[in-house]
PDB file of N, CA and C in Angstrom:
ATOM      1  N   UNK A   1      92.346  17.103 -56.311  1.00  0.00           N
ATOM      2  CA  UNK A   1      91.031  16.939 -55.834  1.00  0.00           C
ATOM      3  C   UNK A   1      90.462  18.374 -55.187  1.00  0.00           C
ATOM      4  N   UNK A   2      90.941  18.826 -53.960  1.00  0.00           N
ATOM      5  CA  UNK A   2      90.725  19.614 -53.017  1.00  0.00           C
ATOM      6  C   UNK A   2      90.856  20.861 -53.966  1.00  0.00           C
ATOM      7  N   UNK A   3      91.656  20.928 -54.958  1.00  0.00           N
ATOM      8  CA  UNK A   3      91.510  22.440 -55.789  1.00  0.00           C
ATOM      9  C   UNK A   3      90.593  22.422 -56.768  1.00  0.00           C
ATOM     10  N   UNK A   4      90.269  21.274 -57.249  1.00  0.00           N
ATOM     11  CA  UNK A   4      89.330  21.030 -58.175  1.00  0.00           C
ATOM     12  C   UNK A   4      87.755  21.480 -57.546  1.00  0.00           C
ATOM     13  N   UNK A   5      87.556  20.923 -56.283  1.00  0.00           N
ATOM     14  CA  UNK A   5      86.468  21.301 -55.190  1.00  0.00           C
ATOM     15  C   UNK A   5      86.316  22.879 -55.019  1.00  0.00           C
ATOM     16  N   UNK A   6      87.638  23.573 -54.749  1.00  0.00           N
ATOM     17  CA  UNK A   6      87.696  24.685 -54.428  1.00  0.00           C
ATOM     18  C   UNK A   6      87.217  25.970 -55.778  1.00  0.00           C
ATOM     19  N   UNK A   7      87.741  25.183 -56.896  1.00  0.00           N
ATOM     20  CA  UNK A   7      86.824  26.320 -57.921  1.00  0.00           C
ATOM     21  C   UNK A   7      85.412  25.861 -58.317  1.00  0.00           C
ATOM     22  N   UNK A   8      84.815  24.712 -58.063  1.00  0.00           N
ATOM     23  CA  UNK A   8      83.388  24.602 -58.305  1.00  0.00           C
ATOM     24  C   UNK A   8      82.603  25.003 -57.265  1.00  0.00           C
ATOM     25  N   UNK A   9      82.890  25.306 -56.269  1.00  0.00           N
ATOM     26  CA  UNK A   9      82.108  26.218 -55.089  1.00  0.00           C
ATOM     27  C   UNK A   9      81.837  27.496 -55.634  1.00  0.00           C
ATOM     28  N   UNK A  10      80.412  27.543 -55.523  1.00  0.00           N
ATOM     29  CA  UNK A  10      79.931  28.741 -56.164  1.00  0.00           C
ATOM     30  C   UNK A  10      79.256  29.758 -54.932  1.00  0.00           C
ATOM     31  N   UNK A  11      79.298  31.074 -54.971  1.00  0.00           N
ATOM     32  CA  UNK A  11      78.684  31.761 -53.453  1.00  0.00           C
ATOM     33  C   UNK A  11      77.613  32.210 -54.076  1.00  0.00           C
ATOM     34  N   UNK A  12      76.508  31.918 -53.268  1.00  0.00           N
ATOM     35  CA  UNK A  12      75.157  32.512 -53.340  1.00  0.00           C
ATOM     36  C   UNK A  12      74.645  33.478 -52.282  1.00  0.00           C
ATOM     37  N   UNK A  13      74.011  34.132 -52.430  1.00  0.00           N
ATOM     38  CA  UNK A  13      73.026  35.117 -51.688  1.00  0.00           C
ATOM     39  C   UNK A  13      71.800  35.627 -51.839  1.00  0.00           C
ATOM     40  N   UNK A  14      71.042  35.313 -50.853  1.00  0.00           N
ATOM     41  CA  UNK A  14      69.434  35.279 -50.794  1.00  0.00           C
ATOM     42  C   UNK A  14      69.381  36.649 -49.865  1.00  0.00           C
ATOM     43  N   UNK A  15      68.708  37.919 -49.971  1.00  0.00           N
ATOM     44  CA  UNK A  15      68.334  38.698 -49.312  1.00  0.00           C
ATOM     45  C   UNK A  15      66.941  38.970 -48.902  1.00  0.00           C
ATOM     46  N   UNK A  16      66.156  38.765 -47.876  1.00  0.00           N
ATOM     47  CA  UNK A  16      65.097  39.279 -47.413  1.00  0.00           C
ATOM     48  C   UNK A  16      65.132  41.021 -46.543  1.00  0.00           C
ATOM     49  N   UNK A  17      64.267  41.631 -47.083  1.00  0.00           N
ATOM     50  CA  UNK A  17      63.830  42.794 -46.563  1.00  0.00           C
ATOM     51  C   UNK A  17      62.677  42.956 -45.825  1.00  0.00           C
ATOM     52  N   UNK A  18      62.659  42.773 -43.944  1.00  0.00           N
ATOM     53  CA  UNK A  18      61.310  42.893 -43.257  1.00  0.00           C
ATOM     54  C   UNK A  18      61.310  44.235 -43.074  1.00  0.00           C
ATOM     55  N   UNK A  19      60.086  44.680 -43.399  1.00  0.00           N
ATOM     56  CA  UNK A  19      59.902  45.968 -42.911  1.00  0.00           C
ATOM     57  C   UNK A  19      60.409  46.997 -43.841  1.00  0.00           C
ATOM     58  N   UNK A  20      61.120  48.035 -43.548  1.00  0.00           N
ATOM     59  CA  UNK A  20      61.756  49.164 -43.924  1.00  0.00           C
ATOM     60  C   UNK A  20      63.163  48.480 -44.186  1.00  0.00           C
ATOM     61  N   UNK A  21      63.824  47.569 -44.017  1.00  0.00           N
ATOM     62  CA  UNK A  21      64.992  47.180 -44.007  1.00  0.00           C
ATOM     63  C   UNK A  21      65.914  47.955 -43.093  1.00  0.00           C
ATOM     64  N   UNK A  22      66.963  47.381 -43.136  1.00  0.00           N
ATOM     65  CA  UNK A  22      67.952  47.711 -42.246  1.00  0.00           C
ATOM     66  C   UNK A  22      68.378  49.288 -41.902  1.00  0.00           C
ATOM     67  N   UNK A  23      68.176  49.430 -40.506  1.00  0.00           N
ATOM     68  CA  UNK A  23      68.372  51.016 -40.543  1.00  0.00           C
ATOM     69  C   UNK A  23      69.791  51.399 -39.804  1.00  0.00           C
ATOM     70  N   UNK A  24      69.947  50.795 -38.662  1.00  0.00           N
ATOM     71  CA  UNK A  24      71.198  51.342 -38.354  1.00  0.00           C
ATOM     72  C   UNK A  24      72.785  50.648 -38.385  1.00  0.00           C
ATOM     73  N   UNK A  25      72.144  49.242 -39.227  1.00  0.00           N
ATOM     74  CA  UNK A  25      73.532  49.080 -39.963  1.00  0.00           C
ATOM     75  C   UNK A  25      74.427  47.947 -38.716  1.00  0.00           C
ATOM     76  N   UNK A  26      73.584  47.527 -37.817  1.00  0.00           N
ATOM     77  CA  UNK A  26      74.364  46.615 -36.757  1.00  0.00           C
ATOM     78  C   UNK A  26      74.268  45.251 -37.340  1.00  0.00           C
ATOM     79  N   UNK A  27      75.085  44.537 -37.518  1.00  0.00           N
ATOM     80  CA  UNK A  27      74.662  42.993 -37.891  1.00  0.00           C
ATOM     81  C   UNK A  27      75.617  42.072 -37.293  1.00  0.00           C
ATOM     82  N   UNK A  28      74.810  40.827 -37.110  1.00  0.00           N
ATOM     83  CA  UNK A  28      74.712  39.408 -36.453  1.00  0.00           C
ATOM     84  C   UNK A  28      75.092  38.450 -37.479  1.00  0.00           C
ATOM     85  N   UNK A  29      76.246  37.595 -37.625  1.00  0.00           N
ATOM     86  CA  UNK A  29      76.082  36.483 -38.483  1.00  0.00           C
ATOM     87  C   UNK A  29      76.327  35.340 -37.854  1.00  0.00           C
ATOM     88  N   UNK A  30      75.534  34.199 -37.978  1.00  0.00           N
ATOM     89  CA  UNK A  30      75.509  32.891 -37.613  1.00  0.00           C
ATOM     90  C   UNK A  30      75.663  31.756 -38.568  1.00  0.00           C
ATOM     91  N   UNK A  31      76.392  30.535 -38.428  1.00  0.00           N
ATOM     92  CA  UNK A  31      76.610  29.606 -39.010  1.00  0.00           C
ATOM     93  C   UNK A  31      75.591  28.819 -39.008  1.00  0.00           C
ATOM     94  N   UNK A  32      75.270  28.382 -40.459  1.00  0.00           N
ATOM     95  CA  UNK A  32      73.993  26.980 -40.711  1.00  0.00           C
ATOM     96  C   UNK A  32      74.996  26.125 -40.685  1.00  0.00           C
ATOM     97  N   UNK A  33      74.618  24.765 -40.173  1.00  0.00           N
ATOM     98  CA  UNK A  33      75.195  23.316 -41.048  1.00  0.00           C
ATOM     99  C   UNK A  33      73.839  22.725 -41.242  1.00  0.00           C
ATOM    100  N   UNK A  34      74.674  21.732 -42.308  1.00  0.00           N
ATOM    101  CA  UNK A  34      73.339  21.043 -42.871  1.00  0.00           C
ATOM    102  C   UNK A  34      74.345  19.908 -43.017  1.00  0.00           C
ATOM    103  N   UNK A  35      73.642  18.684 -43.041  1.00  0.00           N
ATOM    104  CA  UNK A  35      74.231  17.152 -43.529  1.00  0.00           C
ATOM    105  C   UNK A  35      73.546  16.814 -44.610  1.00  0.00           C
ATOM    106  N   UNK A  36      73.982  15.686 -45.650  1.00  0.00           N
ATOM    107  CA  UNK A  36      73.560  15.053 -46.832  1.00  0.00           C
ATOM    108  C   UNK A  36      73.434  16.325 -47.552  1.00  0.00           C
ATOM    109  N   UNK A  37      74.779  16.934 -47.536  1.00  0.00           N
ATOM    110  CA  UNK A  37      75.477  17.894 -48.817  1.00  0.00           C
ATOM    111  C   UNK A  37      73.961  18.952 -48.583  1.00  0.00           C
ATOM    112  N   UNK A  38      73.418  19.569 -47.583  1.00  0.00           N
ATOM    113  CA  UNK A  38      72.710  20.674 -47.638  1.00  0.00           C
ATOM    114  C   UNK A  38      71.247  20.279 -47.572  1.00  0.00           C
ATOM    115  N   UNK A  39      70.765  18.977 -47.660  1.00  0.00           N
ATOM    116  CA  UNK A  39      69.322  18.701 -47.726  1.00  0.00           C
ATOM    117  C   UNK A  39      68.762  18.491 -45.932  1.00  0.00           C
ATOM    118  N   UNK A  40      69.510  18.415 -44.789  1.00  0.00           N
ATOM    119  CA  UNK A  40      69.089  18.475 -43.589  1.00  0.00           C
ATOM    120  C   UNK A  40      69.761  19.210 -42.695  1.00  0.00           C
ATOM    121  N   UNK A  41      68.513  20.057 -42.268  1.00  0.00           N
ATOM    122  CA  UNK A  41      69.645  21.273 -41.407  1.00  0.00           C
ATOM    123  C   UNK A  41      70.159  20.470 -39.930  1.00  0.00           C
ATOM    124  N   UNK A  42      71.214  20.657 -39.485  1.00  0.00           N
ATOM    125  CA  UNK A  42      71.863  20.187 -38.150  1.00  0.00           C
ATOM    126  C   UNK A  42      71.370  21.061 -37.058  1.00  0.00           C
ATOM    127  N   UNK A  43      71.488  22.235 -37.438  1.00  0.00           N
ATOM    128  CA  UNK A  43      70.745  23.720 -36.093  1.00  0.00           C
ATOM    129  C   UNK A  43      70.129  24.344 -36.525  1.00  0.00           C
ATOM    130  N   UNK A  44      69.312  25.398 -36.277  1.00  0.00           N
ATOM    131  CA  UNK A  44      68.322  26.448 -36.226  1.00  0.00           C
ATOM    132  C   UNK A  44      68.865  27.598 -36.034  1.00  0.00           C
ATOM    133  N   UNK A  45      69.289  28.168 -37.225  1.00  0.00           N
ATOM    134  CA  UNK A  45      69.295  29.637 -36.684  1.00  0.00           C
ATOM    135  C   UNK A  45      67.904  30.524 -36.893  1.00  0.00           C
ATOM    136  N   UNK A  46      67.428  31.150 -35.556  1.00  0.00           N
ATOM    137  CA  UNK A  46      66.427  31.606 -35.605  1.00  0.00           C
ATOM    138  C   UNK A  46      66.632  33.241 -35.432  1.00  0.00           C
ATOM    139  N   UNK A  47      65.939  33.954 -36.918  1.00  0.00           N
ATOM    140  CA  UNK A  47      66.367  34.862 -37.463  1.00  0.00           C
ATOM    141  C   UNK A  47      65.608  36.154 -36.397  1.00  0.00           C
ATOM    142  N   UNK A  48      64.487  35.588 -36.018  1.00  0.00           N
ATOM    143  CA  UNK A  48      63.378  36.702 -35.367  1.00  0.00           C
ATOM    144  C   UNK A  48      64.147  36.897 -33.851  1.00  0.00           C
ATOM    145  N   UNK A  49      64.783  35.768 -33.382  1.00  0.00           N
ATOM    146  CA  UNK A  49      65.560  35.826 -32.248  1.00  0.00           C
ATOM    147  C   UNK A  49      66.816  36.783 -32.147  1.00  0.00           C
ATOM    148  N   UNK A  50      67.313  36.640 -33.272  1.00  0.00           N
ATOM    149  CA  UNK A  50      68.482  37.831 -33.564  1.00  0.00           C
ATOM    150  C   UNK A  50      68.185  39.117 -33.796  1.00  0.00           C
ATOM    151  N   UNK A  51      67.067  39.112 -34.505  1.00  0.00           N
ATOM    152  CA  UNK A  51      66.393  40.586 -34.503  1.00  0.00           C
ATOM    153  C   UNK A  51      66.370  41.431 -33.404  1.00  0.00           C
ATOM    154  N   UNK A  52      65.483  40.460 -32.437  1.00  0.00           N
ATOM    155  CA  UNK A  52      65.016  41.134 -31.462  1.00  0.00           C
ATOM    156  C   UNK A  52      63.572  41.752 -31.462  1.00  0.00           C
ATOM    157  N   UNK A  53      63.655  43.110 -30.840  1.00  0.00           N
ATOM    158  CA  UNK A  53      62.205  43.821 -30.959  1.00  0.00           C
ATOM    159  C   UNK A  53      61.795  44.682 -31.885  1.00  0.00           C
ATOM    160  N   UNK A  54      63.133  44.656 -32.896  1.00  0.00           N
ATOM    161  CA  UNK A  54      63.022  45.548 -34.205  1.00  0.00           C
ATOM    162  C   UNK A  54      61.717  45.117 -35.191  1.00  0.00           C
ATOM    163  N   UNK A  55      61.785  45.912 -36.000  1.00  0.00           N
ATOM    164  CA  UNK A  55      60.349  45.490 -36.871  1.00  0.00           C
ATOM    165  C   UNK A  55      61.000  45.653 -38.555  1.00  0.00           C
ATOM    166  N   UNK A  56      62.140  46.342 -38.382  1.00  0.00           N
ATOM    167  CA  UNK A  56      62.620  46.654 -39.792  1.00  0.00           C
ATOM    168  C   UNK A  56      64.242  45.891 -39.672  1.00  0.00           C
ATOM    169  N   UNK A  57      64.449  45.297 -40.532  1.00  0.00           N
ATOM    170  CA  UNK A  57      65.776  44.568 -40.950  1.00  0.00           C
ATOM    171  C   UNK A  57      65.829  43.509 -41.789  1.00  0.00           C
ATOM    172  N   UNK A  58      67.187  43.136 -42.301  1.00  0.00           N
ATOM    173  CA  UNK A  58      67.454  42.490 -43.315  1.00  0.00           C
ATOM    174  C   UNK A  58      68.031  40.893 -43.360  1.00  0.00           C
ATOM    175  N   UNK A  59      67.649  40.145 -43.683  1.00  0.00           N
ATOM    176  CA  UNK A  59      67.920  38.853 -43.571  1.00  0.00           C
ATOM    177  C   UNK A  59      68.735  38.515 -44.952  1.00  0.00           C
ATOM    178  N   UNK A  60      70.094  37.922 -44.485  1.00  0.00           N
ATOM    179  CA  UNK A  60      70.723  37.390 -45.818  1.00  0.00           C
ATOM    180  C   UNK A  60      71.374  36.085 -45.501  1.00  0.00           C
ATOM    181  N   UNK A  61      71.259  35.156 -46.537  1.00  0.00           N
ATOM    182  CA  UNK A  61      71.511  34.156 -46.563  1.00  0.00           C
ATOM    183  C   UNK A  61      72.525  33.995 -47.490  1.00  0.00           C
ATOM    184  N   UNK A  62      73.937  33.316 -47.745  1.00  0.00           N
ATOM    185  CA  UNK A  62      74.536  33.177 -48.198  1.00  0.00           C
ATOM    186  C   UNK A  62      75.487  31.855 -48.256  1.00  0.00           C
ATOM    187  N   UNK A  63      76.242  31.478 -49.279  1.00  0.00           N
ATOM    188  CA  UNK A  63      77.446  30.708 -48.871  1.00  0.00           C
ATOM    189  C   UNK A  63      78.730  31.606 -49.371  1.00  0.00           C
ATOM    190  N   UNK A  64      79.629  31.921 -48.312  1.00  0.00           N
ATOM    191  CA  UNK A  64      80.821  32.889 -48.476  1.00  0.00           C
ATOM    192  C   UNK A  64      81.814  31.927 -48.499  1.00  0.00           C
ATOM    193  N   UNK A  65      83.227  32.743 -48.844  1.00  0.00           N
ATOM    194  CA  UNK A  65      84.126  31.951 -49.292  1.00  0.00           C
ATOM    195  C   UNK A  65      84.236  31.015 -48.181  1.00  0.00           C
ATOM    196  N   UNK A  66      84.418  31.411 -46.736  1.00  0.00           N
ATOM    197  CA  UNK A  66      84.917  31.034 -45.626  1.00  0.00           C
ATOM    198  C   UNK A  66      83.911  29.584 -45.682  1.00  0.00           C
ATOM    199  N   UNK A  67      82.822  29.605 -45.791  1.00  0.00           N
ATOM    200  CA  UNK A  67      81.812  28.300 -46.040  1.00  0.00           C
ATOM    201  C   UNK A  67      82.393  27.557 -46.946  1.00  0.00           C
ATOM    202  N   UNK A  68      83.025  27.967 -47.780  1.00  0.00           N
ATOM    203  CA  UNK A  68      83.432  26.904 -48.995  1.00  0.00           C
ATOM    204  C   UNK A  68      84.505  26.514 -48.401  1.00  0.00           C
ATOM    205  N   UNK A  69      85.546  27.206 -48.013  1.00  0.00           N
ATOM    206  CA  UNK A  69      86.705  26.339 -47.481  1.00  0.00           C
ATOM    207  C   UNK A  69      86.615  25.488 -46.630  1.00  0.00           C
ATOM    208  N   UNK A  70      85.559  25.660 -45.475  1.00  0.00           N
ATOM    209  CA  UNK A  70      84.820  25.052 -44.766  1.00  0.00           C
ATOM    210  C   UNK A  70      84.640  23.205 -44.894  1.00  0.00           C
ATOM    211  N   UNK A  71      83.473  23.665 -45.931  1.00  0.00           N
ATOM    212  CA  UNK A  71      82.961  22.643 -46.514  1.00  0.00           C
ATOM    213  C   UNK A  71      84.098  21.865 -47.466  1.00  0.00           C
ATOM    214  N   UNK A  72      85.210  21.970 -47.777  1.00  0.00           N
ATOM    215  CA  UNK A  72      86.036  21.350 -48.651  1.00  0.00           C
ATOM    216  C   UNK A  72      86.321  20.184 -47.854  1.00  0.00           C
ATOM    217  N   UNK A  73      86.430  20.650 -46.416  1.00  0.00           N
ATOM    218  CA  UNK A  73      87.029  19.578 -45.418  1.00  0.00           C
ATOM    219  C   UNK A  73      85.725  18.486 -44.702  1.00  0.00           C
ATOM    220  N   UNK A  74      84.625  19.242 -44.580  1.00  0.00           N
ATOM    221  CA  UNK A  74      83.593  18.815 -43.763  1.00  0.00           C
ATOM    222  C   UNK A  74      83.033  17.592 -45.116  1.00  0.00           C
ATOM    223  N   UNK A  75      82.836  18.262 -46.186  1.00  0.00           N
ATOM    224  CA  UNK A  75      81.977  17.540 -47.152  1.00  0.00           C
ATOM    225  C   UNK A  75      82.231  16.180 -47.417  1.00  0.00           C
ATOM    226  N   UNK A  76      83.533  15.841 -47.010  1.00  0.00           N
ATOM    227  CA  UNK A  76      84.167  14.215 -46.751  1.00  0.00           C
ATOM    228  C   UNK A  76      82.878  13.303 -46.113  1.00  0.00           C
ATOM    229  N   UNK A  77      82.267  13.996 -45.114  1.00  0.00           N
ATOM    230  CA  UNK A  77      81.486  13.425 -44.183  1.00  0.00           C
ATOM    231  C   UNK A  77      79.764  14.079 -44.462  1.00  0.00           C
ATOM    232  N   UNK A  78      79.697  14.493 -45.591  1.00  0.00           N
ATOM    233  CA  UNK A  78      78.185  15.135 -45.982  1.00  0.00           C
ATOM    234  C   UNK A  78      77.903  16.496 -45.077  1.00  0.00           C
ATOM    235  N   UNK A  79      79.118  17.073 -44.676  1.00  0.00           N
ATOM    236  CA  UNK A  79      78.130  18.014 -43.978  1.00  0.00           C
ATOM    237  C   UNK A  79      79.048  19.159 -44.632  1.00  0.00           C
ATOM    238  N   UNK A  80      77.838  20.131 -44.685  1.00  0.00           N
ATOM    239  CA  UNK A  80      78.178  21.662 -45.703  1.00  0.00           C
ATOM    240  C   UNK A  80      77.561  22.676 -44.397  1.00  0.00           C
ATOM    241  N   UNK A  81      78.319  24.134 -45.211  1.00  0.00           N
ATOM    242  CA  UNK A  81      78.069  25.022 -44.156  1.00  0.00           C
ATOM    243  C   UNK A  81      77.327  26.361 -44.938  1.00  0.00           C
ATOM    244  N   UNK A  82      76.746  27.278 -44.343  1.00  0.00           N
ATOM    245  CA  UNK A  82      76.667  28.350 -44.920  1.00  0.00           C
ATOM    246  C   UNK A  82      76.319  29.276 -43.560  1.00  0.00           C
ATOM    247  N   UNK A  83      75.821  30.766 -43.989  1.00  0.00           N
ATOM    248  CA  UNK A  83      76.094  32.035 -43.245  1.00  0.00           C
ATOM    249  C   UNK A  83      74.742  32.564 -43.455  1.00  0.00           C
ATOM    250  N   UNK A  84      74.060  32.968 -41.965  1.00  0.00           N
ATOM    251  CA  UNK A  84      73.249  33.808 -41.852  1.00  0.00           C
ATOM    252  C   UNK A  84      73.326  35.040 -41.271  1.00  0.00           C
ATOM    253  N   UNK A  85      73.144  35.991 -42.118  1.00  0.00           N
ATOM    254  CA  UNK A  85      73.077  37.431 -41.480  1.00  0.00           C
ATOM    255  C   UNK A  85      72.197  38.240 -41.150  1.00  0.00           C
ATOM    256  N   UNK A  86      71.601  39.162 -39.924  1.00  0.00           N
ATOM    257  CA  UNK A  86      70.670  39.854 -39.949  1.00  0.00           C
ATOM    258  C   UNK A  86      71.430  41.197 -39.795  1.00  0.00           C
ATOM    259  N   UNK A  87      70.708  42.158 -40.279  1.00  0.00           N
ATOM    260  CA  UNK A  87      71.358  43.679 -39.921  1.00  0.00           C
ATOM    261  C   UNK A  87      70.126  44.340 -39.653  1.00  0.00           C
ATOM    262  N   UNK A  88      70.433  44.911 -38.399  1.00  0.00           N
ATOM    263  CA  UNK A  88      69.323  45.687 -38.038  1.00  0.00           C
ATOM    264  C   UNK A  88      69.531  47.036 -38.493  1.00  0.00           C
TER     265      UNK A  88
END
């Protein structure tokens, strides 16, 4: 069953460009946790706090391979994870 779940987990990426986009390519990634298979967020990742005072940056929300591996074990209790990256 674990092998079957590993093959059906898909990677998805959403990219949002703020201002002119990333300028110096420094990045910070935080993990977003959800319960009920992604319906209810458990924590809040504040991208404006991560970006700080810069006005040009890129936000990438994705499900990485590591998120998939973590979710294999945590989905038993309906908890899933995703990654949010802010590149300045």
